[in-house]
Amino acid sequence: MITRRLSAALLAGAIAAPVSALPITAQAAEYVIDTEGQHAFVEWRINHLGFSWLYGRFNDFEGSFEYEDGAIEDASVDVTIDMASLDSNHAERDKHLREADFFHVKEYPEATFKSTGIESTDDGFVITGDLTMRGVTKEIEIEAEKVGEGEDPWGGYRAGFHGTTTLTLKDFGIDYDLGPAATTAEVTLSVEGVRQ
């Protein structure tokens, strides 16, 4: 009888315990990538005939990421790129790159990346995710690092990250002959997000 009364008392106490006494799992905060303030960049480079490097960028893109300090494995990122905003600082070349030989922007105006997992490494972390470009979806890996985070001068809170990946052009249906040294493109992402 005593045991039964004790068990009942413990159960009643547990039910009556305030919610604040229960363990709370930290929830990742959402950050919107600051493209309006030009604090985020998607840049690329490709070898030109084995002689030099050709550089370019995408001027228009948007995205967000969810992140909590100390829990990078639970973070996520989602980015959409306006492929027509491609800019290699040469109008005629950019026109060709937007055509069917390359990005076929009329048919595929956007490229998207959505993370599926993040794993910590000695040098930072690796973001795995699905890149959809030119109508093809491929899993890619981005080697990344946190640059910094903290309060900004305008009363907000920001976090910044930097990452690189290498894309094989044929994987996305781009088979234009630029020579054996130009089968891949190196992509750099530098993003600064504002916590919502």
C-alpha atoms as a PDB file:
ATOM      1  CA  MET A   1       0.000   0.000   0.000  1.00  0.00           C
ATOM      2  CA  ILE A   2       2.812   2.400   0.888  1.00  0.00           C
ATOM      3  CA  THR A   3       4.563   1.619  -2.399  1.00  0.00           C
ATOM      4  CA  ARG A   4       1.353   2.218  -4.314  1.00  0.00           C
ATOM      5  CA  ARG A   5       0.787   5.589  -2.597  1.00  0.00           C
ATOM      6  CA  LEU A   6       4.407   6.638  -3.256  1.00  0.00           C
ATOM      7  CA  SER A   7       4.149   5.771  -6.943  1.00  0.00           C
ATOM      8  CA  ALA A   8       0.910   7.711  -7.231  1.00  0.00           C
ATOM      9  CA  ALA A   9       2.483  10.721  -5.528  1.00  0.00           C
ATOM     10  CA  LEU A  10       5.489  10.675  -7.845  1.00  0.00           C
ATOM     11  CA  LEU A  11       3.246  10.415 -10.905  1.00  0.00           C
ATOM     12  CA  ALA A  12       1.087  13.297  -9.727  1.00  0.00           C
ATOM     13  CA  GLY A  13       4.196  15.395  -9.076  1.00  0.00           C
ATOM     14  CA  ALA A  14       5.541  14.696 -12.531  1.00  0.00           C
ATOM     15  CA  ILE A  15       2.267  15.705 -14.143  1.00  0.00           C
ATOM     16  CA  ALA A  16       2.063  18.876 -12.085  1.00  0.00           C
ATOM     17  CA  ALA A  17       5.691  19.882 -12.724  1.00  0.00           C
ATOM     18  CA  PRO A  18       5.975  23.217 -14.539  1.00  0.00           C
ATOM     19  CA  VAL A  19       6.912  23.115 -18.205  1.00  0.00           C
ATOM     20  CA  SER A  20       9.998  25.231 -17.458  1.00  0.00           C
ATOM     21  CA  ALA A  21      11.446  22.347 -15.471  1.00  0.00           C
ATOM     22  CA  LEU A  22      11.421  20.057 -18.506  1.00  0.00           C
ATOM     23  CA  PRO A  23      14.505  19.860 -20.755  1.00  0.00           C
ATOM     24  CA  ILE A  24      14.259  22.111 -23.800  1.00  0.00           C
ATOM     25  CA  THR A  25      15.979  21.309 -27.073  1.00  0.00           C
ATOM     26  CA  ALA A  26      17.524  24.357 -28.750  1.00  0.00           C
ATOM     27  CA  GLN A  27      15.844  25.229 -32.043  1.00  0.00           C
ATOM     28  CA  ALA A  28      17.885  26.533 -34.941  1.00  0.00           C
ATOM     29  CA  ALA A  29      17.278  30.167 -35.832  1.00  0.00           C
ATOM     30  CA  GLU A  30      16.413  31.195 -39.378  1.00  0.00           C
ATOM     31  CA  TYR A  31      18.758  33.570 -41.216  1.00  0.00           C
ATOM     32  CA  VAL A  32      17.927  35.312 -44.490  1.00  0.00           C
ATOM     33  CA  ILE A  33      20.927  35.729 -46.776  1.00  0.00           C
ATOM     34  CA  ASP A  34      21.726  39.434 -47.150  1.00  0.00           C
ATOM     35  CA  THR A  35      21.874  39.932 -50.905  1.00  0.00           C
ATOM     36  CA  GLU A  36      20.342  43.422 -50.836  1.00  0.00           C
ATOM     37  CA  GLY A  37      23.302  44.739 -48.879  1.00  0.00           C
ATOM     38  CA  GLN A  38      25.777  42.977 -51.188  1.00  0.00           C
ATOM     39  CA  HIS A  39      27.081  40.857 -48.335  1.00  0.00           C
ATOM     40  CA  ALA A  40      26.737  37.565 -50.189  1.00  0.00           C
ATOM     41  CA  PHE A  41      28.316  36.248 -53.375  1.00  0.00           C
ATOM     42  CA  VAL A  42      28.160  33.228 -55.690  1.00  0.00           C
ATOM     43  CA  GLU A  43      31.293  33.234 -57.845  1.00  0.00           C
ATOM     44  CA  TRP A  44      32.873  30.727 -60.219  1.00  0.00           C
ATOM     45  CA  ARG A  45      35.981  30.180 -62.262  1.00  0.00           C
ATOM     46  CA  ILE A  46      36.816  27.888 -65.165  1.00  0.00           C
ATOM     47  CA  ASN A  47      40.060  27.199 -66.960  1.00  0.00           C
ATOM     48  CA  HIS A  48      40.412  28.908 -70.343  1.00  0.00           C
ATOM     49  CA  LEU A  49      42.059  26.520 -72.821  1.00  0.00           C
ATOM     50  CA  GLY A  50      44.695  25.632 -70.249  1.00  0.00           C
ATOM     51  CA  PHE A  51      46.156  29.157 -70.403  1.00  0.00           C
ATOM     52  CA  SER A  52      44.391  31.115 -67.664  1.00  0.00           C
ATOM     53  CA  TRP A  53      41.369  31.354 -65.387  1.00  0.00           C
ATOM     54  CA  LEU A  54      38.074  32.905 -66.430  1.00  0.00           C
ATOM     55  CA  TYR A  55      36.072  34.346 -63.522  1.00  0.00           C
ATOM     56  CA  GLY A  56      32.387  35.117 -63.195  1.00  0.00           C
ATOM     57  CA  ARG A  57      29.513  35.406 -60.752  1.00  0.00           C
ATOM     58  CA  PHE A  58      25.741  35.346 -60.426  1.00  0.00           C
ATOM     59  CA  ASN A  59      24.451  38.769 -59.460  1.00  0.00           C
ATOM     60  CA  ASP A  60      20.936  37.779 -58.373  1.00  0.00           C
ATOM     61  CA  PHE A  61      20.123  35.024 -55.918  1.00  0.00           C
ATOM     62  CA  GLU A  62      18.267  34.532 -52.658  1.00  0.00           C
ATOM     63  CA  GLY A  63      18.140  32.052 -49.851  1.00  0.00           C
ATOM     64  CA  SER A  64      18.132  31.286 -46.173  1.00  0.00           C
ATOM     65  CA  PHE A  65      19.736  28.990 -43.671  1.00  0.00           C
ATOM     66  CA  GLU A  66      18.850  27.609 -40.263  1.00  0.00           C
ATOM     67  CA  TYR A  67      21.672  27.516 -37.767  1.00  0.00           C
ATOM     68  CA  GLU A  68      22.375  27.277 -34.041  1.00  0.00           C
ATOM     69  CA  ASP A  69      25.877  27.772 -32.640  1.00  0.00           C
ATOM     70  CA  GLY A  70      27.310  24.478 -31.446  1.00  0.00           C
ATOM     71  CA  ALA A  71      24.892  22.382 -33.499  1.00  0.00           C
ATOM     72  CA  ILE A  72      26.197  22.716 -37.050  1.00  0.00           C
ATOM     73  CA  GLU A  73      25.057  19.182 -37.930  1.00  0.00           C
ATOM     74  CA  ASP A  74      21.449  20.349 -37.470  1.00  0.00           C
ATOM     75  CA  ALA A  75      21.842  23.353 -39.783  1.00  0.00           C
ATOM     76  CA  SER A  76      20.302  23.591 -43.246  1.00  0.00           C
ATOM     77  CA  VAL A  77      20.565  25.878 -46.273  1.00  0.00           C
ATOM     78  CA  ASP A  78      18.347  26.655 -49.252  1.00  0.00           C
ATOM     79  CA  VAL A  79      19.455  28.863 -52.184  1.00  0.00           C
ATOM     80  CA  THR A  80      17.865  29.861 -55.508  1.00  0.00           C
ATOM     81  CA  ILE A  81      19.975  31.461 -58.267  1.00  0.00           C
ATOM     82  CA  ASP A  82      18.695  33.554 -61.185  1.00  0.00           C
ATOM     83  CA  MET A  83      20.742  32.060 -64.019  1.00  0.00           C
ATOM     84  CA  ALA A  84      20.132  35.054 -66.299  1.00  0.00           C
ATOM     85  CA  SER A  85      22.159  37.155 -63.849  1.00  0.00           C
ATOM     86  CA  LEU A  86      25.355  35.384 -64.931  1.00  0.00           C
ATOM     87  CA  ASP A  87      28.145  37.935 -65.302  1.00  0.00           C
ATOM     88  CA  SER A  88      31.667  37.286 -66.609  1.00  0.00           C
ATOM     89  CA  ASN A  89      32.326  40.962 -67.414  1.00  0.00           C
ATOM     90  CA  HIS A  90      31.972  40.337 -71.167  1.00  0.00           C
ATOM     91  CA  ALA A  91      28.551  40.893 -72.774  1.00  0.00           C
ATOM     92  CA  GLU A  92      29.010  38.656 -75.839  1.00  0.00           C
ATOM     93  CA  ARG A  93      30.410  35.786 -73.799  1.00  0.00           C
ATOM     94  CA  ASP A  94      27.612  36.122 -71.237  1.00  0.00           C
ATOM     95  CA  LYS A  95      25.048  35.963 -74.039  1.00  0.00           C
ATOM     96  CA  HIS A  96      26.579  32.701 -75.268  1.00  0.00           C
ATOM     97  CA  LEU A  97      26.723  31.249 -71.758  1.00  0.00           C
ATOM     98  CA  ARG A  98      22.982  31.869 -71.376  1.00  0.00           C
ATOM     99  CA  GLU A  99      22.211  29.945 -74.568  1.00  0.00           C
ATOM    100  CA  ALA A 100      21.620  26.205 -75.069  1.00  0.00           C
ATOM    101  CA  ASP A 101      25.352  25.394 -75.425  1.00  0.00           C
ATOM    102  CA  PHE A 102      25.744  26.160 -71.747  1.00  0.00           C
ATOM    103  CA  PHE A 103      23.095  27.098 -69.169  1.00  0.00           C
ATOM    104  CA  HIS A 104      20.069  27.273 -71.515  1.00  0.00           C
ATOM    105  CA  VAL A 105      18.567  30.016 -69.365  1.00  0.00           C
ATOM    106  CA  LYS A 106      15.404  30.390 -71.450  1.00  0.00           C
ATOM    107  CA  GLU A 107      14.439  26.801 -70.624  1.00  0.00           C
ATOM    108  CA  TYR A 108      15.981  26.629 -67.137  1.00  0.00           C
ATOM    109  CA  PRO A 109      15.884  30.119 -65.579  1.00  0.00           C
ATOM    110  CA  GLU A 110      16.781  29.031 -62.042  1.00  0.00           C
ATOM    111  CA  ALA A 111      19.255  26.809 -60.246  1.00  0.00           C
ATOM    112  CA  THR A 112      18.531  25.618 -56.723  1.00  0.00           C
ATOM    113  CA  PHE A 113      20.511  24.062 -53.902  1.00  0.00           C
ATOM    114  CA  LYS A 114      18.930  22.389 -50.890  1.00  0.00           C
ATOM    115  CA  SER A 115      21.060  20.788 -48.206  1.00  0.00           C
ATOM    116  CA  THR A 116      20.366  17.234 -47.070  1.00  0.00           C
ATOM    117  CA  GLY A 117      23.045  16.870 -44.388  1.00  0.00           C
ATOM    118  CA  ILE A 118      26.025  18.516 -42.701  1.00  0.00           C
ATOM    119  CA  GLU A 119      29.047  16.810 -41.164  1.00  0.00           C
ATOM    120  CA  SER A 120      31.770  18.404 -39.045  1.00  0.00           C
ATOM    121  CA  THR A 121      35.411  18.055 -40.124  1.00  0.00           C
ATOM    122  CA  ASP A 122      38.773  19.114 -38.706  1.00  0.00           C
ATOM    123  CA  ASP A 123      38.779  22.212 -40.935  1.00  0.00           C
ATOM    124  CA  GLY A 124      35.098  23.131 -40.723  1.00  0.00           C
ATOM    125  CA  PHE A 125      32.238  21.099 -42.129  1.00  0.00           C
ATOM    126  CA  VAL A 126      30.916  19.513 -45.325  1.00  0.00           C
ATOM    127  CA  ILE A 127      27.454  20.378 -46.621  1.00  0.00           C
ATOM    128  CA  THR A 128      25.817  17.657 -48.701  1.00  0.00           C
ATOM    129  CA  GLY A 129      22.829  18.606 -50.809  1.00  0.00           C
ATOM    130  CA  ASP A 130      20.951  18.506 -54.087  1.00  0.00           C
ATOM    131  CA  LEU A 131      21.913  20.995 -56.797  1.00  0.00           C
ATOM    132  CA  THR A 132      19.392  21.352 -59.605  1.00  0.00           C
ATOM    133  CA  MET A 133      20.753  23.147 -62.658  1.00  0.00           C
ATOM    134  CA  ARG A 134      19.786  22.958 -66.320  1.00  0.00           C
ATOM    135  CA  GLY A 135      17.032  20.493 -65.443  1.00  0.00           C
ATOM    136  CA  VAL A 136      19.396  18.011 -63.791  1.00  0.00           C
ATOM    137  CA  THR A 137      19.616  17.274 -60.058  1.00  0.00           C
ATOM    138  CA  LYS A 138      22.898  15.997 -58.646  1.00  0.00           C
ATOM    139  CA  GLU A 139      24.147  15.493 -55.120  1.00  0.00           C
ATOM    140  CA  ILE A 140      27.165  17.679 -54.402  1.00  0.00           C
ATOM    141  CA  GLU A 141      29.412  18.417 -51.440  1.00  0.00           C
ATOM    142  CA  ILE A 142      30.455  21.900 -50.324  1.00  0.00           C
ATOM    143  CA  GLU A 143      33.496  22.287 -48.084  1.00  0.00           C
ATOM    144  CA  ALA A 144      32.616  25.130 -45.744  1.00  0.00           C
ATOM    145  CA  GLU A 145      33.642  27.095 -42.685  1.00  0.00           C
ATOM    146  CA  LYS A 146      32.028  29.620 -40.397  1.00  0.00           C
ATOM    147  CA  VAL A 147      33.574  33.065 -40.785  1.00  0.00           C
ATOM    148  CA  GLY A 148      31.918  34.665 -37.780  1.00  0.00           C
ATOM    149  CA  GLU A 149      28.709  35.702 -36.053  1.00  0.00           C
ATOM    150  CA  GLY A 150      27.443  38.388 -33.697  1.00  0.00           C
ATOM    151  CA  GLU A 151      25.449  41.587 -33.315  1.00  0.00           C
ATOM    152  CA  ASP A 152      25.679  44.133 -36.115  1.00  0.00           C
ATOM    153  CA  PRO A 153      25.661  47.969 -35.754  1.00  0.00           C
ATOM    154  CA  TRP A 154      21.976  48.161 -36.771  1.00  0.00           C
ATOM    155  CA  GLY A 155      20.531  46.077 -33.952  1.00  0.00           C
ATOM    156  CA  GLY A 156      20.468  42.792 -35.818  1.00  0.00           C
ATOM    157  CA  TYR A 157      22.374  39.550 -35.475  1.00  0.00           C
ATOM    158  CA  ARG A 158      24.385  38.037 -38.315  1.00  0.00           C
ATOM    159  CA  ALA A 159      26.278  34.865 -39.164  1.00  0.00           C
ATOM    160  CA  GLY A 160      28.594  34.353 -42.130  1.00  0.00           C
ATOM    161  CA  PHE A 161      29.903  31.283 -43.922  1.00  0.00           C
ATOM    162  CA  HIS A 162      32.257  30.531 -46.805  1.00  0.00           C
ATOM    163  CA  GLY A 163      32.239  27.420 -48.981  1.00  0.00           C
ATOM    164  CA  THR A 164      33.706  25.927 -52.154  1.00  0.00           C
ATOM    165  CA  THR A 165      32.765  23.093 -54.478  1.00  0.00           C
ATOM    166  CA  THR A 166      33.806  21.767 -57.887  1.00  0.00           C
ATOM    167  CA  LEU A 167      31.177  20.912 -60.496  1.00  0.00           C
ATOM    168  CA  THR A 168      31.691  18.590 -63.455  1.00  0.00           C
ATOM    169  CA  LEU A 169      29.988  20.325 -66.381  1.00  0.00           C
ATOM    170  CA  LYS A 170      28.897  17.118 -68.144  1.00  0.00           C
ATOM    171  CA  ASP A 171      26.943  16.128 -65.031  1.00  0.00           C
ATOM    172  CA  PHE A 172      24.566  18.971 -65.846  1.00  0.00           C
ATOM    173  CA  GLY A 173      24.386  18.417 -69.596  1.00  0.00           C
ATOM    174  CA  ILE A 174      27.054  20.969 -70.543  1.00  0.00           C
ATOM    175  CA  ASP A 175      29.300  19.291 -73.106  1.00  0.00           C
ATOM    176  CA  TYR A 176      30.649  22.246 -75.071  1.00  0.00           C
ATOM    177  CA  ASP A 177      34.274  21.666 -76.074  1.00  0.00           C
ATOM    178  CA  LEU A 178      36.409  24.129 -74.146  1.00  0.00           C
ATOM    179  CA  GLY A 179      39.454  21.872 -74.077  1.00  0.00           C
ATOM    180  CA  PRO A 180      40.503  19.116 -71.653  1.00  0.00           C
ATOM    181  CA  ALA A 181      41.370  21.607 -68.896  1.00  0.00           C
ATOM    182  CA  ALA A 182      37.862  23.080 -68.832  1.00  0.00           C
ATOM    183  CA  THR A 183      35.662  20.148 -67.845  1.00  0.00           C
ATOM    184  CA  THR A 184      34.952  21.460 -64.351  1.00  0.00           C
ATOM    185  CA  ALA A 185      33.993  24.752 -62.738  1.00  0.00           C
ATOM    186  CA  GLU A 186      35.066  25.838 -59.269  1.00  0.00           C
ATOM    187  CA  VAL A 187      32.296  27.585 -57.346  1.00  0.00           C
ATOM    188  CA  THR A 188      32.726  29.784 -54.267  1.00  0.00           C
ATOM    189  CA  LEU A 189      29.881  30.820 -51.994  1.00  0.00           C
ATOM    190  CA  SER A 190      30.238  33.560 -49.404  1.00  0.00           C
ATOM    191  CA  VAL A 191      27.038  34.259 -47.492  1.00  0.00           C
ATOM    192  CA  GLU A 192      26.085  36.526 -44.627  1.00  0.00           C
ATOM    193  CA  GLY A 193      22.681  35.963 -43.094  1.00  0.00           C
ATOM    194  CA  VAL A 194      20.517  38.151 -40.868  1.00  0.00           C
ATOM    195  CA  ARG A 195      18.720  36.338 -38.059  1.00  0.00           C
ATOM    196  CA  GLN A 196      14.948  36.686 -38.231  1.00  0.00           C
END
